[in-house]
Amino acid sequence: MELYLILGIFLLLILLSLKLRNVNRRSVAETYGFEPVESPISKSLVELISIAGGIYISLTLALSFLKIDYSPMYQILGVEFDFLALLSIILAIFQPVLLFIYNKIKGK
């Protein structure tokens, strides 16, 4: 039951992240005065995964450079995962949320 709740929350956060990416993309398009091209959801998913991949590679290289050992695999509720991969996806999901809040505070 707990696993389904966690997966449901995770899915909702992904959907919110994708929605805010489209909002941010359109606000940039309005700012610079060109017509946005409607993009399918797959483009947002590709962007999300590529950002998470970049974060994952950066974290892995930083830990390797600093010679920090970490346990690469963890298990929660019977699901085994790489901690850095999970952290990368979470950071990639919250990046557009933080950018949206920053733009609202700044007044864009």
N, C-alpha and C. Protein backbone atom coordinates (compact mmCIF):
# COMPACT_ATOMS: atom_id res chain seq x y z
N MET A 1 0.82 -1.19 0.00
CA MET A 1 0.00 0.00 0.00
C MET A 1 0.87 1.25 0.00
N GLU A 2 1.90 1.23 0.86
CA GLU A 2 2.79 2.39 0.93
C GLU A 2 3.51 2.60 -0.39
N LEU A 3 3.86 1.50 -1.05
CA LEU A 3 4.56 1.60 -2.32
C LEU A 3 3.69 2.29 -3.36
N TYR A 4 2.40 1.95 -3.39
CA TYR A 4 1.49 2.58 -4.35
C TYR A 4 1.32 4.07 -4.05
N LEU A 5 1.29 4.43 -2.78
CA LEU A 5 1.17 5.83 -2.40
C LEU A 5 2.41 6.61 -2.84
N ILE A 6 3.57 6.04 -2.60
CA ILE A 6 4.82 6.70 -3.00
C ILE A 6 4.90 6.82 -4.52
N LEU A 7 4.54 5.75 -5.23
CA LEU A 7 4.56 5.80 -6.69
C LEU A 7 3.54 6.80 -7.22
N GLY A 8 2.37 6.89 -6.58
CA GLY A 8 1.36 7.86 -6.99
C GLY A 8 1.83 9.28 -6.81
N ILE A 9 2.44 9.57 -5.67
CA ILE A 9 2.97 10.91 -5.42
C ILE A 9 4.08 11.22 -6.41
N PHE A 10 4.94 10.25 -6.67
CA PHE A 10 6.03 10.44 -7.62
C PHE A 10 5.48 10.75 -9.02
N LEU A 11 4.43 10.03 -9.43
CA LEU A 11 3.81 10.27 -10.73
C LEU A 11 3.18 11.66 -10.79
N LEU A 12 2.53 12.08 -9.72
CA LEU A 12 1.94 13.43 -9.69
C LEU A 12 3.02 14.51 -9.78
N LEU A 13 4.15 14.30 -9.12
CA LEU A 13 5.24 15.26 -9.21
C LEU A 13 5.82 15.33 -10.62
N ILE A 14 5.91 14.19 -11.29
CA ILE A 14 6.38 14.18 -12.68
C ILE A 14 5.41 14.95 -13.57
N LEU A 15 4.11 14.72 -13.39
CA LEU A 15 3.12 15.43 -14.20
C LEU A 15 3.17 16.94 -13.94
N LEU A 16 3.32 17.35 -12.67
CA LEU A 16 3.45 18.77 -12.35
C LEU A 16 4.69 19.36 -12.99
N SER A 17 5.78 18.61 -12.94
CA SER A 17 7.02 19.07 -13.55
C SER A 17 6.87 19.28 -15.05
N LEU A 18 6.23 18.32 -15.72
CA LEU A 18 6.02 18.44 -17.17
C LEU A 18 5.12 19.63 -17.50
N LYS A 19 4.08 19.83 -16.71
CA LYS A 19 3.16 20.96 -16.94
C LYS A 19 3.89 22.28 -16.78
N LEU A 20 4.69 22.41 -15.72
CA LEU A 20 5.41 23.66 -15.49
C LEU A 20 6.50 23.89 -16.52
N ARG A 21 7.07 22.84 -17.08
CA ARG A 21 8.03 23.01 -18.17
C ARG A 21 7.35 23.67 -19.37
N ASN A 22 6.14 23.22 -19.69
CA ASN A 22 5.41 23.82 -20.80
C ASN A 22 5.03 25.26 -20.50
N VAL A 23 4.64 25.56 -19.25
CA VAL A 23 4.31 26.93 -18.86
C VAL A 23 5.54 27.82 -18.99
N ASN A 24 6.69 27.33 -18.51
CA ASN A 24 7.93 28.11 -18.60
C ASN A 24 8.33 28.33 -20.06
N ARG A 25 8.17 27.31 -20.89
CA ARG A 25 8.52 27.42 -22.31
C ARG A 25 7.65 28.48 -22.99
N ARG A 26 6.37 28.49 -22.67
CA ARG A 26 5.46 29.47 -23.28
C ARG A 26 5.72 30.88 -22.78
N SER A 27 6.07 31.03 -21.50
CA SER A 27 6.35 32.37 -20.99
C SER A 27 7.61 32.94 -21.63
N VAL A 28 8.59 32.10 -21.88
CA VAL A 28 9.80 32.55 -22.58
C VAL A 28 9.45 32.95 -24.01
N ALA A 29 8.57 32.17 -24.65
CA ALA A 29 8.17 32.47 -26.02
C ALA A 29 7.42 33.80 -26.08
N GLU A 30 6.58 34.08 -25.10
CA GLU A 30 5.86 35.35 -25.08
C GLU A 30 6.79 36.51 -24.81
N THR A 31 7.79 36.28 -23.97
CA THR A 31 8.75 37.34 -23.66
C THR A 31 9.54 37.76 -24.89
N TYR A 32 9.96 36.80 -25.69
CA TYR A 32 10.78 37.11 -26.86
C TYR A 32 9.96 37.30 -28.12
N GLY A 33 8.65 37.11 -28.05
CA GLY A 33 7.77 37.47 -29.15
C GLY A 33 7.71 36.51 -30.33
N PHE A 34 7.94 35.26 -30.14
CA PHE A 34 7.75 34.32 -31.24
C PHE A 34 6.71 33.29 -30.83
N GLU A 35 6.09 32.72 -31.80
CA GLU A 35 5.00 31.76 -31.61
C GLU A 35 5.54 30.41 -31.15
N PRO A 36 5.06 29.90 -30.02
CA PRO A 36 5.54 28.59 -29.58
C PRO A 36 4.99 27.47 -30.46
N VAL A 37 5.81 26.48 -30.67
CA VAL A 37 5.38 25.30 -31.42
C VAL A 37 4.83 24.30 -30.40
N GLU A 38 3.63 23.83 -30.66
CA GLU A 38 3.05 22.85 -29.75
C GLU A 38 3.89 21.57 -29.79
N SER A 39 4.33 21.17 -28.64
CA SER A 39 5.17 19.97 -28.57
C SER A 39 4.43 18.86 -27.84
N PRO A 40 4.63 17.64 -28.24
CA PRO A 40 3.98 16.53 -27.55
C PRO A 40 4.64 16.28 -26.19
N ILE A 41 3.96 15.51 -25.40
CA ILE A 41 4.45 15.19 -24.06
C ILE A 41 5.79 14.46 -24.11
N SER A 42 6.05 13.79 -25.20
CA SER A 42 7.32 13.05 -25.29
C SER A 42 8.52 13.99 -25.28
N LYS A 43 8.36 15.18 -25.83
CA LYS A 43 9.45 16.14 -25.83
C LYS A 43 9.79 16.57 -24.40
N SER A 44 8.75 16.74 -23.58
CA SER A 44 8.98 17.10 -22.18
C SER A 44 9.62 15.95 -21.41
N LEU A 45 9.20 14.73 -21.72
CA LEU A 45 9.80 13.57 -21.06
C LEU A 45 11.27 13.42 -21.44
N VAL A 46 11.59 13.63 -22.70
CA VAL A 46 12.98 13.55 -23.16
C VAL A 46 13.81 14.61 -22.45
N GLU A 47 13.26 15.80 -22.32
CA GLU A 47 13.97 16.88 -21.64
C GLU A 47 14.19 16.53 -20.16
N LEU A 48 13.17 16.00 -19.52
CA LEU A 48 13.28 15.61 -18.12
C LEU A 48 14.36 14.55 -17.92
N ILE A 49 14.34 13.53 -18.74
CA ILE A 49 15.32 12.45 -18.61
C ILE A 49 16.73 12.93 -18.96
N SER A 50 16.85 13.80 -19.95
CA SER A 50 18.19 14.29 -20.31
C SER A 50 18.77 15.18 -19.21
N ILE A 51 17.92 15.98 -18.58
CA ILE A 51 18.40 16.81 -17.46
C ILE A 51 18.81 15.92 -16.29
N ALA A 52 17.97 14.92 -15.99
CA ALA A 52 18.31 13.99 -14.90
C ALA A 52 19.60 13.24 -15.21
N GLY A 53 19.79 12.86 -16.46
CA GLY A 53 21.02 12.17 -16.86
C GLY A 53 22.24 13.06 -16.70
N GLY A 54 22.11 14.32 -17.05
CA GLY A 54 23.21 15.26 -16.87
C GLY A 54 23.56 15.47 -15.41
N ILE A 55 22.53 15.57 -14.58
CA ILE A 55 22.76 15.71 -13.14
C ILE A 55 23.43 14.46 -12.59
N TYR A 56 22.97 13.28 -13.03
CA TYR A 56 23.54 12.01 -12.57
C TYR A 56 25.03 11.91 -12.94
N ILE A 57 25.35 12.25 -14.17
CA ILE A 57 26.75 12.19 -14.60
C ILE A 57 27.60 13.17 -13.80
N SER A 58 27.08 14.38 -13.57
CA SER A 58 27.82 15.38 -12.81
C SER A 58 28.07 14.92 -11.38
N LEU A 59 27.04 14.37 -10.74
CA LEU A 59 27.20 13.88 -9.37
C LEU A 59 28.18 12.71 -9.31
N THR A 60 28.09 11.81 -10.27
CA THR A 60 29.00 10.66 -10.30
C THR A 60 30.45 11.11 -10.49
N LEU A 61 30.66 12.04 -11.40
CA LEU A 61 32.02 12.55 -11.63
C LEU A 61 32.54 13.31 -10.42
N ALA A 62 31.67 14.08 -9.76
CA ALA A 62 32.11 14.82 -8.57
C ALA A 62 32.51 13.86 -7.45
N LEU A 63 31.71 12.83 -7.22
CA LEU A 63 32.05 11.85 -6.19
C LEU A 63 33.33 11.09 -6.54
N SER A 64 33.49 10.77 -7.80
CA SER A 64 34.70 10.07 -8.24
C SER A 64 35.92 10.97 -8.08
N PHE A 65 35.79 12.23 -8.46
CA PHE A 65 36.91 13.17 -8.36
C PHE A 65 37.31 13.38 -6.90
N LEU A 66 36.32 13.47 -6.02
CA LEU A 66 36.60 13.69 -4.61
C LEU A 66 36.93 12.40 -3.86
N LYS A 67 36.92 11.28 -4.58
CA LYS A 67 37.22 9.96 -4.02
C LYS A 67 36.31 9.64 -2.83
N ILE A 68 35.03 9.93 -3.02
CA ILE A 68 34.02 9.62 -2.00
C ILE A 68 33.34 8.32 -2.39
N ASP A 69 33.38 7.35 -1.49
CA ASP A 69 32.70 6.08 -1.73
C ASP A 69 31.27 6.20 -1.23
N TYR A 70 30.35 5.69 -2.01
CA TYR A 70 28.96 5.65 -1.58
C TYR A 70 28.39 4.30 -1.99
N SER A 71 27.41 3.87 -1.25
CA SER A 71 26.76 2.60 -1.58
C SER A 71 25.81 2.87 -2.74
N PRO A 72 26.10 2.35 -3.92
CA PRO A 72 25.32 2.73 -5.10
C PRO A 72 23.89 2.20 -5.11
N MET A 73 23.59 1.11 -4.41
CA MET A 73 22.25 0.53 -4.47
C MET A 73 21.60 0.55 -3.08
N TYR A 74 20.36 1.00 -3.04
CA TYR A 74 19.56 1.00 -1.82
C TYR A 74 18.27 0.26 -2.09
N GLN A 75 17.62 -0.18 -1.02
CA GLN A 75 16.36 -0.88 -1.17
C GLN A 75 15.36 -0.29 -0.19
N ILE A 76 14.22 0.16 -0.73
CA ILE A 76 13.12 0.67 0.08
C ILE A 76 11.84 0.01 -0.40
N LEU A 77 11.10 -0.56 0.51
CA LEU A 77 9.82 -1.21 0.20
C LEU A 77 9.97 -2.28 -0.88
N GLY A 78 11.10 -2.98 -0.87
CA GLY A 78 11.31 -4.05 -1.83
C GLY A 78 11.78 -3.61 -3.20
N VAL A 79 12.00 -2.31 -3.37
CA VAL A 79 12.46 -1.79 -4.66
C VAL A 79 13.92 -1.38 -4.51
N GLU A 80 14.79 -1.93 -5.36
CA GLU A 80 16.21 -1.61 -5.32
C GLU A 80 16.50 -0.52 -6.35
N PHE A 81 17.25 0.51 -5.92
CA PHE A 81 17.54 1.62 -6.82
C PHE A 81 18.88 2.24 -6.48
N ASP A 82 19.40 2.98 -7.44
CA ASP A 82 20.64 3.73 -7.27
C ASP A 82 20.27 5.09 -6.67
N PHE A 83 20.87 5.41 -5.53
CA PHE A 83 20.54 6.65 -4.84
C PHE A 83 20.80 7.88 -5.69
N LEU A 84 21.93 7.91 -6.40
CA LEU A 84 22.24 9.08 -7.22
C LEU A 84 21.25 9.24 -8.37
N ALA A 85 20.78 8.14 -8.93
CA ALA A 85 19.78 8.21 -10.00
C ALA A 85 18.48 8.78 -9.46
N LEU A 86 18.05 8.33 -8.28
CA LEU A 86 16.83 8.86 -7.68
C LEU A 86 16.98 10.34 -7.36
N LEU A 87 18.11 10.71 -6.79
CA LEU A 87 18.36 12.12 -6.47
C LEU A 87 18.36 12.97 -7.74
N SER A 88 18.93 12.47 -8.81
CA SER A 88 18.97 13.20 -10.08
C SER A 88 17.58 13.42 -10.65
N ILE A 89 16.75 12.40 -10.60
CA ILE A 89 15.39 12.54 -11.12
C ILE A 89 14.59 13.51 -10.26
N ILE A 90 14.75 13.43 -8.95
CA ILE A 90 14.04 14.35 -8.06
C ILE A 90 14.46 15.79 -8.33
N LEU A 91 15.76 16.03 -8.48
CA LEU A 91 16.24 17.39 -8.78
C LEU A 91 15.72 17.87 -10.14
N ALA A 92 15.69 16.99 -11.12
CA ALA A 92 15.18 17.36 -12.45
C ALA A 92 13.69 17.65 -12.40
N ILE A 93 12.95 16.96 -11.55
CA ILE A 93 11.51 17.20 -11.43
C ILE A 93 11.26 18.56 -10.78
N PHE A 94 12.01 18.89 -9.74
CA PHE A 94 11.77 20.13 -9.02
C PHE A 94 12.40 21.35 -9.68
N GLN A 95 13.29 21.18 -10.63
CA GLN A 95 13.94 22.30 -11.30
C GLN A 95 12.95 23.27 -11.94
N PRO A 96 11.95 22.82 -12.71
CA PRO A 96 11.02 23.78 -13.29
C PRO A 96 10.11 24.43 -12.24
N VAL A 97 9.84 23.72 -11.14
CA VAL A 97 9.03 24.31 -10.07
C VAL A 97 9.79 25.47 -9.45
N LEU A 98 11.06 25.25 -9.15
CA LEU A 98 11.87 26.32 -8.57
C LEU A 98 12.07 27.47 -9.55
N LEU A 99 12.23 27.17 -10.83
CA LEU A 99 12.35 28.21 -11.84
C LEU A 99 11.06 29.02 -11.96
N PHE A 100 9.91 28.35 -11.88
CA PHE A 100 8.62 29.02 -11.94
C PHE A 100 8.45 29.97 -10.75
N ILE A 101 8.80 29.50 -9.55
CA ILE A 101 8.71 30.33 -8.34
C ILE A 101 9.66 31.51 -8.45
N TYR A 102 10.87 31.27 -8.92
CA TYR A 102 11.85 32.34 -9.09
C TYR A 102 11.35 33.41 -10.05
N ASN A 103 10.77 32.98 -11.18
CA ASN A 103 10.26 33.94 -12.15
C ASN A 103 9.08 34.73 -11.60
N LYS A 104 8.23 34.11 -10.79
CA LYS A 104 7.10 34.82 -10.17
C LYS A 104 7.59 35.85 -9.17
N ILE A 105 8.59 35.49 -8.39
CA ILE A 105 9.13 36.42 -7.40
C ILE A 105 9.83 37.57 -8.09
N LYS A 106 10.57 37.27 -9.13
CA LYS A 106 11.32 38.30 -9.86
C LYS A 106 10.41 39.18 -10.69
N GLY A 107 9.21 38.67 -11.03
CA GLY A 107 8.25 39.48 -11.76
C GLY A 107 8.29 39.31 -13.26
N LYS A 108 8.74 38.18 -13.73
CA LYS A 108 8.77 37.93 -15.17
C LYS A 108 7.47 37.34 -15.61
